[in-house]
């Protein structure tokens, strides 16, 4: 693997050094209910397809995927507080199956 920089702090990571990849997928959790702008449900008037002009426009609203390279120190900090809320250790669920339908 070639030399890289930590995406969080910019530390130089020479080839062969410890580095960690954080891979994030953001997936829309669509529950089959569509709300209009005034926040009322009207299934006969609106469908998910009618909210977007094209599939291309829908793209980033449904799925995004990013990856970051972190040094050892930034990996530790990320695991302690991934959303930078200052709340201490982040509790990782042992069973994440409920997240994916």
PDB file of N, CA and C in Angstrom:
ATOM      1  N   UNK A   1       0.840  -1.179   0.000  1.00  0.00           N
ATOM      2  CA  UNK A   1       0.000   0.000   0.000  1.00  0.00           C
ATOM      3  C   UNK A   1       0.891   1.251   0.000  1.00  0.00           C
ATOM      4  N   UNK A   2       0.525   2.244  -0.726  1.00  0.00           N
ATOM      5  CA  UNK A   2       1.328   3.451  -0.854  1.00  0.00           C
ATOM      6  C   UNK A   2       1.199   4.346   0.381  1.00  0.00           C
ATOM      7  N   UNK A   3       2.106   5.318   0.476  1.00  0.00           N
ATOM      8  CA  UNK A   3       2.036   6.306   1.545  1.00  0.00           C
ATOM      9  C   UNK A   3       0.696   7.053   1.454  1.00  0.00           C
ATOM     10  N   UNK A   4       0.155   7.415   2.621  1.00  0.00           N
ATOM     11  CA  UNK A   4      -1.100   8.157   2.666  1.00  0.00           C
ATOM     12  C   UNK A   4      -1.073   9.140   3.824  1.00  0.00           C
ATOM     13  N   UNK A   5      -2.111   9.965   3.902  1.00  0.00           N
ATOM     14  CA  UNK A   5      -2.309  10.879   5.019  1.00  0.00           C
ATOM     15  C   UNK A   5      -3.586  10.485   5.743  1.00  0.00           C
ATOM     16  N   UNK A   6      -3.610  10.678   7.048  1.00  0.00           N
ATOM     17  CA  UNK A   6      -4.820  10.467   7.829  1.00  0.00           C
ATOM     18  C   UNK A   6      -5.842  11.517   7.389  1.00  0.00           C
ATOM     19  N   UNK A   7      -7.059  11.071   7.085  1.00  0.00           N
ATOM     20  CA  UNK A   7      -8.096  11.994   6.626  1.00  0.00           C
ATOM     21  C   UNK A   7      -8.615  12.900   7.733  1.00  0.00           C
ATOM     22  N   UNK A   8      -8.340  12.582   8.985  1.00  0.00           N
ATOM     23  CA  UNK A   8      -8.831  13.402  10.100  1.00  0.00           C
ATOM     24  C   UNK A   8      -7.795  14.440  10.521  1.00  0.00           C
ATOM     25  N   UNK A   9      -6.557  14.003  10.785  1.00  0.00           N
ATOM     26  CA  UNK A   9      -5.557  14.931  11.328  1.00  0.00           C
ATOM     27  C   UNK A   9      -4.464  15.294  10.328  1.00  0.00           C
ATOM     28  N   UNK A  10      -4.369  14.565   9.227  1.00  0.00           N
ATOM     29  CA  UNK A  10      -3.353  14.867   8.217  1.00  0.00           C
ATOM     30  C   UNK A  10      -2.006  14.227   8.478  1.00  0.00           C
ATOM     31  N   UNK A  11      -1.897  13.379   9.506  1.00  0.00           N
ATOM     32  CA  UNK A  11      -0.617  12.722   9.821  1.00  0.00           C
ATOM     33  C   UNK A  11      -0.157  11.876   8.639  1.00  0.00           C
ATOM     34  N   UNK A  12       1.128  11.952   8.359  1.00  0.00           N
ATOM     35  CA  UNK A  12       1.730  11.171   7.294  1.00  0.00           C
ATOM     36  C   UNK A  12       1.777   9.706   7.711  1.00  0.00           C
ATOM     37  N   UNK A  13       1.270   8.831   6.868  1.00  0.00           N
ATOM     38  CA  UNK A  13       1.243   7.397   7.137  1.00  0.00           C
ATOM     39  C   UNK A  13       2.086   6.687   6.074  1.00  0.00           C
ATOM     40  N   UNK A  14       3.363   6.443   6.370  1.00  0.00           N
ATOM     41  CA  UNK A  14       4.218   5.802   5.379  1.00  0.00           C
ATOM     42  C   UNK A  14       3.772   4.369   5.095  1.00  0.00           C
ATOM     43  N   UNK A  15       4.167   3.861   3.966  1.00  0.00           N
ATOM     44  CA  UNK A  15       3.833   2.492   3.587  1.00  0.00           C
ATOM     45  C   UNK A  15       4.228   1.527   4.696  1.00  0.00           C
ATOM     46  N   UNK A  16       3.306   0.623   5.058  1.00  0.00           N
ATOM     47  CA  UNK A  16       3.564  -0.353   6.108  1.00  0.00           C
ATOM     48  C   UNK A  16       3.162   0.098   7.499  1.00  0.00           C
ATOM     49  N   UNK A  17       2.764   1.352   7.656  1.00  0.00           N
ATOM     50  CA  UNK A  17       2.367   1.837   8.987  1.00  0.00           C
ATOM     51  C   UNK A  17       0.930   1.419   9.294  1.00  0.00           C
ATOM     52  N   UNK A  18       0.574   1.488  10.569  1.00  0.00           N
ATOM     53  CA  UNK A  18      -0.788   1.157  10.988  1.00  0.00           C
ATOM     54  C   UNK A  18      -1.743   2.220  10.462  1.00  0.00           C
ATOM     55  N   UNK A  19      -2.789   1.775   9.837  1.00  0.00           N
ATOM     56  CA  UNK A  19      -3.842   2.669   9.345  1.00  0.00           C
ATOM     57  C   UNK A  19      -5.158   1.918   9.381  1.00  0.00           C
ATOM     58  N   UNK A  20      -6.240   2.668   9.473  1.00  0.00           N
ATOM     59  CA  UNK A  20      -7.561   2.065   9.620  1.00  0.00           C
ATOM     60  C   UNK A  20      -8.520   2.727   8.639  1.00  0.00           C
ATOM     61  N   UNK A  21      -9.370   1.920   8.044  1.00  0.00           N
ATOM     62  CA  UNK A  21     -10.368   2.437   7.114  1.00  0.00           C
ATOM     63  C   UNK A  21     -11.722   2.460   7.789  1.00  0.00           C
ATOM     64  N   UNK A  22     -12.362   3.621   7.776  1.00  0.00           N
ATOM     65  CA  UNK A  22     -13.725   3.767   8.261  1.00  0.00           C
ATOM     66  C   UNK A  22     -14.596   3.854   7.020  1.00  0.00           C
ATOM     67  N   UNK A  23     -15.494   2.904   6.888  1.00  0.00           N
ATOM     68  CA  UNK A  23     -16.368   2.830   5.727  1.00  0.00           C
ATOM     69  C   UNK A  23     -17.781   3.133   6.205  1.00  0.00           C
ATOM     70  N   UNK A  24     -18.401   4.169   5.652  1.00  0.00           N
ATOM     71  CA  UNK A  24     -19.719   4.603   6.092  1.00  0.00           C
ATOM     72  C   UNK A  24     -20.705   4.494   4.937  1.00  0.00           C
ATOM     73  N   UNK A  25     -21.829   3.853   5.207  1.00  0.00           N
ATOM     74  CA  UNK A  25     -22.929   3.789   4.257  1.00  0.00           C
ATOM     75  C   UNK A  25     -24.128   4.502   4.877  1.00  0.00           C
ATOM     76  N   UNK A  26     -24.702   5.410   4.106  1.00  0.00           N
ATOM     77  CA  UNK A  26     -25.893   6.120   4.547  1.00  0.00           C
ATOM     78  C   UNK A  26     -27.022   5.671   3.634  1.00  0.00           C
ATOM     79  N   UNK A  27     -28.015   4.994   4.222  1.00  0.00           N
ATOM     80  CA  UNK A  27     -29.091   4.392   3.459  1.00  0.00           C
ATOM     81  C   UNK A  27     -30.422   4.944   3.951  1.00  0.00           C
ATOM     82  N   UNK A  28     -31.261   5.398   3.027  1.00  0.00           N
ATOM     83  CA  UNK A  28     -32.585   5.897   3.405  1.00  0.00           C
ATOM     84  C   UNK A  28     -33.393   4.762   4.006  1.00  0.00           C
ATOM     85  N   UNK A  29     -34.107   5.064   5.056  1.00  0.00           N
ATOM     86  CA  UNK A  29     -34.948   4.086   5.725  1.00  0.00           C
ATOM     87  C   UNK A  29     -36.396   4.413   5.389  1.00  0.00           C
ATOM     88  N   UNK A  30     -36.807   4.054   4.183  1.00  0.00           N
ATOM     89  CA  UNK A  30     -38.135   4.389   3.668  1.00  0.00           C
ATOM     90  C   UNK A  30     -39.172   3.450   4.260  1.00  0.00           C
ATOM     91  N   UNK A  31     -40.218   4.012   4.876  1.00  0.00           N
ATOM     92  CA  UNK A  31     -41.240   3.202   5.527  1.00  0.00           C
ATOM     93  C   UNK A  31     -42.550   3.130   4.739  1.00  0.00           C
ATOM     94  N   UNK A  32     -42.513   3.459   3.453  1.00  0.00           N
ATOM     95  CA  UNK A  32     -43.664   3.389   2.545  1.00  0.00           C
ATOM     96  C   UNK A  32     -44.716   4.451   2.798  1.00  0.00           C
ATOM     97  N   UNK A  33     -44.413   5.422   3.639  1.00  0.00           N
ATOM     98  CA  UNK A  33     -45.347   6.524   3.868  1.00  0.00           C
ATOM     99  C   UNK A  33     -44.717   7.795   3.334  1.00  0.00           C
ATOM    100  N   UNK A  34     -45.448   8.505   2.508  1.00  0.00           N
ATOM    101  CA  UNK A  34     -44.941   9.725   1.901  1.00  0.00           C
ATOM    102  C   UNK A  34     -45.745  10.898   2.435  1.00  0.00           C
ATOM    103  N   UNK A  35     -45.049  11.903   2.922  1.00  0.00           N
ATOM    104  CA  UNK A  35     -45.706  13.091   3.444  1.00  0.00           C
ATOM    105  C   UNK A  35     -45.516  14.245   2.477  1.00  0.00           C
ATOM    106  N   UNK A  36     -46.538  15.057   2.330  1.00  0.00           N
ATOM    107  CA  UNK A  36     -46.420  16.231   1.479  1.00  0.00           C
ATOM    108  C   UNK A  36     -45.763  17.352   2.270  1.00  0.00           C
ATOM    109  N   UNK A  37     -45.593  18.507   1.649  1.00  0.00           N
ATOM    110  CA  UNK A  37     -44.927  19.625   2.304  1.00  0.00           C
ATOM    111  C   UNK A  37     -45.666  20.096   3.547  1.00  0.00           C
ATOM    112  N   UNK A  38     -46.983  19.993   3.572  1.00  0.00           N
ATOM    113  CA  UNK A  38     -47.723  20.397   4.767  1.00  0.00           C
ATOM    114  C   UNK A  38     -47.821  19.257   5.782  1.00  0.00           C
ATOM    115  N   UNK A  39     -47.037  18.184   5.566  1.00  0.00           N
ATOM    116  CA  UNK A  39     -46.865  17.075   6.497  1.00  0.00           C
ATOM    117  C   UNK A  39     -48.126  16.232   6.691  1.00  0.00           C
ATOM    118  N   UNK A  40     -48.936  16.127   5.656  1.00  0.00           N
ATOM    119  CA  UNK A  40     -50.086  15.229   5.705  1.00  0.00           C
ATOM    120  C   UNK A  40     -49.914  14.160   4.648  1.00  0.00           C
ATOM    121  N   UNK A  41     -50.404  12.999   4.928  1.00  0.00           N
ATOM    122  CA  UNK A  41     -50.256  11.865   4.026  1.00  0.00           C
ATOM    123  C   UNK A  41     -51.397  11.844   3.022  1.00  0.00           C
ATOM    124  N   UNK A  42     -51.042  11.736   1.753  1.00  0.00           N
ATOM    125  CA  UNK A  42     -52.048  11.636   0.704  1.00  0.00           C
ATOM    126  C   UNK A  42     -51.557  10.653  -0.353  1.00  0.00           C
ATOM    127  N   UNK A  43     -51.791   9.349  -0.150  1.00  0.00           N
ATOM    128  CA  UNK A  43     -51.239   8.342  -1.050  1.00  0.00           C
ATOM    129  C   UNK A  43     -51.746   8.437  -2.473  1.00  0.00           C
ATOM    130  N   UNK A  44     -52.964   8.930  -2.676  1.00  0.00           N
ATOM    131  CA  UNK A  44     -53.484   9.018  -4.039  1.00  0.00           C
ATOM    132  C   UNK A  44     -52.826  10.159  -4.824  1.00  0.00           C
ATOM    133  N   UNK A  45     -52.275  11.147  -4.139  1.00  0.00           N
ATOM    134  CA  UNK A  45     -51.658  12.285  -4.815  1.00  0.00           C
ATOM    135  C   UNK A  45     -50.158  12.132  -4.993  1.00  0.00           C
ATOM    136  N   UNK A  46     -49.499  11.510  -4.032  1.00  0.00           N
ATOM    137  CA  UNK A  46     -48.044  11.456  -4.072  1.00  0.00           C
ATOM    138  C   UNK A  46     -47.543  10.031  -3.922  1.00  0.00           C
ATOM    139  N   UNK A  47     -46.554   9.717  -4.698  1.00  0.00           N
ATOM    140  CA  UNK A  47     -45.839   8.453  -4.577  1.00  0.00           C
ATOM    141  C   UNK A  47     -44.367   8.793  -4.493  1.00  0.00           C
ATOM    142  N   UNK A  48     -43.525   7.871  -4.049  1.00  0.00           N
ATOM    143  CA  UNK A  48     -42.090   8.173  -4.013  1.00  0.00           C
ATOM    144  C   UNK A  48     -41.561   8.606  -5.375  1.00  0.00           C
ATOM    145  N   UNK A  49     -42.103   8.023  -6.440  1.00  0.00           N
ATOM    146  CA  UNK A  49     -41.636   8.370  -7.786  1.00  0.00           C
ATOM    147  C   UNK A  49     -41.993   9.811  -8.157  1.00  0.00           C
ATOM    148  N   UNK A  50     -43.121  10.305  -7.651  1.00  0.00           N
ATOM    149  CA  UNK A  50     -43.542  11.660  -8.015  1.00  0.00           C
ATOM    150  C   UNK A  50     -42.765  12.730  -7.265  1.00  0.00           C
ATOM    151  N   UNK A  51     -42.050  12.346  -6.209  1.00  0.00           N
ATOM    152  CA  UNK A  51     -41.291  13.332  -5.447  1.00  0.00           C
ATOM    153  C   UNK A  51     -39.992  13.714  -6.137  1.00  0.00           C
ATOM    154  N   UNK A  52     -39.535  12.903  -7.080  1.00  0.00           N
ATOM    155  CA  UNK A  52     -38.270  13.146  -7.763  1.00  0.00           C
ATOM    156  C   UNK A  52     -38.489  13.123  -9.268  1.00  0.00           C
ATOM    157  N   UNK A  53     -37.823  14.025  -9.955  1.00  0.00           N
ATOM    158  CA  UNK A  53     -37.973  14.115 -11.394  1.00  0.00           C
ATOM    159  C   UNK A  53     -37.348  12.922 -12.102  1.00  0.00           C
ATOM    160  N   UNK A  54     -36.300  12.357 -11.513  1.00  0.00           N
ATOM    161  CA  UNK A  54     -35.619  11.234 -12.157  1.00  0.00           C
ATOM    162  C   UNK A  54     -34.906  10.376 -11.127  1.00  0.00           C
ATOM    163  N   UNK A  55     -34.501   9.204 -11.546  1.00  0.00           N
ATOM    164  CA  UNK A  55     -33.753   8.302 -10.667  1.00  0.00           C
ATOM    165  C   UNK A  55     -32.430   8.943 -10.264  1.00  0.00           C
ATOM    166  N   UNK A  56     -31.810   9.686 -11.156  1.00  0.00           N
ATOM    167  CA  UNK A  56     -30.541  10.351 -10.854  1.00  0.00           C
ATOM    168  C   UNK A  56     -30.707  11.350  -9.719  1.00  0.00           C
ATOM    169  N   UNK A  57     -31.822  12.084  -9.719  1.00  0.00           N
ATOM    170  CA  UNK A  57     -32.088  13.058  -8.672  1.00  0.00           C
ATOM    171  C   UNK A  57     -32.305  12.363  -7.325  1.00  0.00           C
ATOM    172  N   UNK A  58     -32.847  11.172  -7.362  1.00  0.00           N
ATOM    173  CA  UNK A  58     -33.124  10.388  -6.160  1.00  0.00           C
ATOM    174  C   UNK A  58     -31.842   9.861  -5.520  1.00  0.00           C
ATOM    175  N   UNK A  59     -30.817   9.591  -6.296  1.00  0.00           N
ATOM    176  CA  UNK A  59     -29.579   8.944  -5.888  1.00  0.00           C
ATOM    177  C   UNK A  59     -29.040   9.232  -4.508  1.00  0.00           C
ATOM    178  N   UNK A  60     -28.566  10.426  -4.237  1.00  0.00           N
ATOM    179  CA  UNK A  60     -27.930  10.751  -2.965  1.00  0.00           C
ATOM    180  C   UNK A  60     -28.909  10.772  -1.797  1.00  0.00           C
ATOM    181  N   UNK A  61     -30.190  10.901  -2.070  1.00  0.00           N
ATOM    182  CA  UNK A  61     -31.169  10.854  -0.997  1.00  0.00           C
ATOM    183  C   UNK A  61     -31.405   9.430  -0.505  1.00  0.00           C
ATOM    184  N   UNK A  62     -31.070   8.444  -1.327  1.00  0.00           N
ATOM    185  CA  UNK A  62     -31.318   7.045  -0.989  1.00  0.00           C
ATOM    186  C   UNK A  62     -30.067   6.348  -0.476  1.00  0.00           C
ATOM    187  N   UNK A  63     -28.907   6.615  -1.079  1.00  0.00           N
ATOM    188  CA  UNK A  63     -27.698   5.884  -0.711  1.00  0.00           C
ATOM    189  C   UNK A  63     -26.459   6.742  -0.951  1.00  0.00           C
ATOM    190  N   UNK A  64     -25.593   6.778   0.047  1.00  0.00           N
ATOM    191  CA  UNK A  64     -24.276   7.399  -0.092  1.00  0.00           C
ATOM    192  C   UNK A  64     -23.274   6.504   0.613  1.00  0.00           C
ATOM    193  N   UNK A  65     -22.065   6.501   0.101  1.00  0.00           N
ATOM    194  CA  UNK A  65     -21.015   5.661   0.664  1.00  0.00           C
ATOM    195  C   UNK A  65     -19.707   6.453   0.642  1.00  0.00           C
ATOM    196  N   UNK A  66     -19.025   6.491   1.797  1.00  0.00           N
ATOM    197  CA  UNK A  66     -17.746   7.182   1.894  1.00  0.00           C
ATOM    198  C   UNK A  66     -16.771   6.333   2.696  1.00  0.00           C
ATOM    199  N   UNK A  67     -15.495   6.553   2.491  1.00  0.00           N
ATOM    200  CA  UNK A  67     -14.470   5.840   3.256  1.00  0.00           C
ATOM    201  C   UNK A  67     -13.380   6.830   3.643  1.00  0.00           C
ATOM    202  N   UNK A  68     -12.823   6.641   4.840  1.00  0.00           N
ATOM    203  CA  UNK A  68     -11.775   7.506   5.359  1.00  0.00           C
ATOM    204  C   UNK A  68     -10.643   6.646   5.893  1.00  0.00           C
ATOM    205  N   UNK A  69      -9.411   7.118   5.723  1.00  0.00           N
ATOM    206  CA  UNK A  69      -8.228   6.472   6.285  1.00  0.00           C
ATOM    207  C   UNK A  69      -7.859   7.225   7.557  1.00  0.00           C
ATOM    208  N   UNK A  70      -7.698   6.486   8.665  1.00  0.00           N
ATOM    209  CA  UNK A  70      -7.358   7.109   9.943  1.00  0.00           C
ATOM    210  C   UNK A  70      -6.082   6.512  10.518  1.00  0.00           C
ATOM    211  N   UNK A  71      -5.320   7.355  11.203  1.00  0.00           N
ATOM    212  CA  UNK A  71      -4.171   6.885  11.961  1.00  0.00           C
ATOM    213  C   UNK A  71      -4.686   6.224  13.244  1.00  0.00           C
ATOM    214  N   UNK A  72      -3.813   5.599  13.987  1.00  0.00           N
ATOM    215  CA  UNK A  72      -4.204   4.895  15.214  1.00  0.00           C
ATOM    216  C   UNK A  72      -4.878   5.832  16.228  1.00  0.00           C
ATOM    217  N   UNK A  73      -4.316   7.008  16.423  1.00  0.00           N
ATOM    218  CA  UNK A  73      -4.863   7.962  17.375  1.00  0.00           C
ATOM    219  C   UNK A  73      -6.257   8.444  16.960  1.00  0.00           C
ATOM    220  N   UNK A  74      -6.432   8.747  15.691  1.00  0.00           N
ATOM    221  CA  UNK A  74      -7.728   9.215  15.223  1.00  0.00           C
ATOM    222  C   UNK A  74      -8.767   8.097  15.236  1.00  0.00           C
ATOM    223  N   UNK A  75      -8.353   6.856  15.004  1.00  0.00           N
ATOM    224  CA  UNK A  75      -9.274   5.719  15.112  1.00  0.00           C
ATOM    225  C   UNK A  75      -9.816   5.619  16.529  1.00  0.00           C
ATOM    226  N   UNK A  76      -8.930   5.756  17.506  1.00  0.00           N
ATOM    227  CA  UNK A  76      -9.333   5.692  18.913  1.00  0.00           C
ATOM    228  C   UNK A  76     -10.308   6.820  19.229  1.00  0.00           C
ATOM    229  N   UNK A  77      -9.998   8.035  18.780  1.00  0.00           N
ATOM    230  CA  UNK A  77     -10.888   9.173  19.026  1.00  0.00           C
ATOM    231  C   UNK A  77     -12.231   8.995  18.335  1.00  0.00           C
ATOM    232  N   UNK A  78     -12.219   8.469  17.124  1.00  0.00           N
ATOM    233  CA  UNK A  78     -13.452   8.239  16.384  1.00  0.00           C
ATOM    234  C   UNK A  78     -14.339   7.233  17.113  1.00  0.00           C
ATOM    235  N   UNK A  79     -13.759   6.150  17.604  1.00  0.00           N
ATOM    236  CA  UNK A  79     -14.544   5.141  18.313  1.00  0.00           C
ATOM    237  C   UNK A  79     -15.094   5.655  19.638  1.00  0.00           C
ATOM    238  N   UNK A  80     -14.389   6.574  20.264  1.00  0.00           N
ATOM    239  CA  UNK A  80     -14.869   7.137  21.529  1.00  0.00           C
ATOM    240  C   UNK A  80     -16.034   8.095  21.317  1.00  0.00           C
ATOM    241  N   UNK A  81     -16.001   8.851  20.227  1.00  0.00           N
ATOM    242  CA  UNK A  81     -17.032   9.871  20.007  1.00  0.00           C
ATOM    243  C   UNK A  81     -17.175  10.145  18.501  1.00  0.00           C
ATOM    244  N   UNK A  82     -17.791   9.231  17.742  1.00  0.00           N
ATOM    245  CA  UNK A  82     -17.820   9.363  16.279  1.00  0.00           C
ATOM    246  C   UNK A  82     -18.551  10.597  15.768  1.00  0.00           C
ATOM    247  N   UNK A  83     -19.487  11.124  16.535  1.00  0.00           N
ATOM    248  CA  UNK A  83     -20.239  12.295  16.091  1.00  0.00           C
ATOM    249  C   UNK A  83     -19.750  13.584  16.737  1.00  0.00           C
ATOM    250  N   UNK A  84     -18.617  13.503  17.446  1.00  0.00           N
ATOM    251  CA  UNK A  84     -17.970  14.660  18.051  1.00  0.00           C
ATOM    252  C   UNK A  84     -18.946  15.456  18.929  1.00  0.00           C
ATOM    253  N   UNK A  85     -19.706  14.735  19.743  1.00  0.00           N
ATOM    254  CA  UNK A  85     -20.680  15.374  20.628  1.00  0.00           C
ATOM    255  C   UNK A  85     -20.128  15.602  22.025  1.00  0.00           C
ATOM    256  N   UNK A  86     -18.944  15.070  22.306  1.00  0.00           N
ATOM    257  CA  UNK A  86     -18.357  15.239  23.616  1.00  0.00           C
ATOM    258  C   UNK A  86     -19.049  14.409  24.677  1.00  0.00           C
ATOM    259  N   UNK A  87     -19.624  13.282  24.285  1.00  0.00           N
ATOM    260  CA  UNK A  87     -20.409  12.481  25.217  1.00  0.00           C
ATOM    261  C   UNK A  87     -19.668  11.260  25.750  1.00  0.00           C
ATOM    262  N   UNK A  88     -18.417  11.125  25.440  1.00  0.00           N
ATOM    263  CA  UNK A  88     -17.684   9.972  25.945  1.00  0.00           C
ATOM    264  C   UNK A  88     -17.754   8.784  25.022  1.00  0.00           C
ATOM    265  N   UNK A  89     -17.579   7.626  25.590  1.00  0.00           N
ATOM    266  CA  UNK A  89     -17.457   6.406  24.802  1.00  0.00           C
ATOM    267  C   UNK A  89     -18.745   6.069  24.072  1.00  0.00           C
ATOM    268  N   UNK A  90     -18.612   5.755  22.808  1.00  0.00           N
ATOM    269  CA  UNK A  90     -19.724   5.367  21.951  1.00  0.00           C
ATOM    270  C   UNK A  90     -19.986   3.883  22.138  1.00  0.00           C
ATOM    271  N   UNK A  91     -21.220   3.519  22.469  1.00  0.00           N
ATOM    272  CA  UNK A  91     -21.554   2.114  22.672  1.00  0.00           C
ATOM    273  C   UNK A  91     -21.925   1.472  21.343  1.00  0.00           C
ATOM    274  N   UNK A  92     -21.147   0.492  20.918  1.00  0.00           N
ATOM    275  CA  UNK A  92     -21.374  -0.199  19.664  1.00  0.00           C
ATOM    276  C   UNK A  92     -22.232  -1.426  19.948  1.00  0.00           C
ATOM    277  N   UNK A  93     -23.358  -1.526  19.280  1.00  0.00           N
ATOM    278  CA  UNK A  93     -24.254  -2.658  19.456  1.00  0.00           C
ATOM    279  C   UNK A  93     -23.594  -3.915  18.912  1.00  0.00           C
ATOM    280  N   UNK A  94     -23.739  -5.014  19.622  1.00  0.00           N
ATOM    281  CA  UNK A  94     -23.196  -6.298  19.161  1.00  0.00           C
ATOM    282  C   UNK A  94     -24.054  -6.888  18.051  1.00  0.00           C
ATOM    283  N   UNK A  95     -25.321  -6.485  17.970  1.00  0.00           N
ATOM    284  CA  UNK A  95     -26.233  -7.020  16.970  1.00  0.00           C
ATOM    285  C   UNK A  95     -26.792  -5.868  16.144  1.00  0.00           C
ATOM    286  N   UNK A  96     -26.244  -5.680  14.947  1.00  0.00           N
ATOM    287  CA  UNK A  96     -26.716  -4.582  14.099  1.00  0.00           C
ATOM    288  C   UNK A  96     -27.673  -5.066  13.028  1.00  0.00           C
ATOM    289  N   UNK A  97     -28.107  -6.309  13.091  1.00  0.00           N
ATOM    290  CA  UNK A  97     -29.019  -6.843  12.091  1.00  0.00           C
ATOM    291  C   UNK A  97     -30.309  -6.043  11.999  1.00  0.00           C
ATOM    292  N   UNK A  98     -30.773  -5.471  13.098  1.00  0.00           N
ATOM    293  CA  UNK A  98     -32.000  -4.706  13.097  1.00  0.00           C
ATOM    294  C   UNK A  98     -31.899  -3.446  12.239  1.00  0.00           C
ATOM    295  N   UNK A  99     -30.694  -3.020  11.916  1.00  0.00           N
ATOM    296  CA  UNK A  99     -30.526  -1.799  11.128  1.00  0.00           C
ATOM    297  C   UNK A  99     -30.829  -1.993   9.653  1.00  0.00           C
ATOM    298  N   UNK A 100     -30.701  -3.218   9.170  1.00  0.00           N
ATOM    299  CA  UNK A 100     -30.843  -3.479   7.743  1.00  0.00           C
ATOM    300  C   UNK A 100     -32.077  -4.324   7.487  1.00  0.00           C
ATOM    301  N   UNK A 101     -32.866  -3.892   6.532  1.00  0.00           N
ATOM    302  CA  UNK A 101     -34.130  -4.571   6.228  1.00  0.00           C
ATOM    303  C   UNK A 101     -33.907  -5.594   5.135  1.00  0.00           C
TER     304      UNK A 101
END
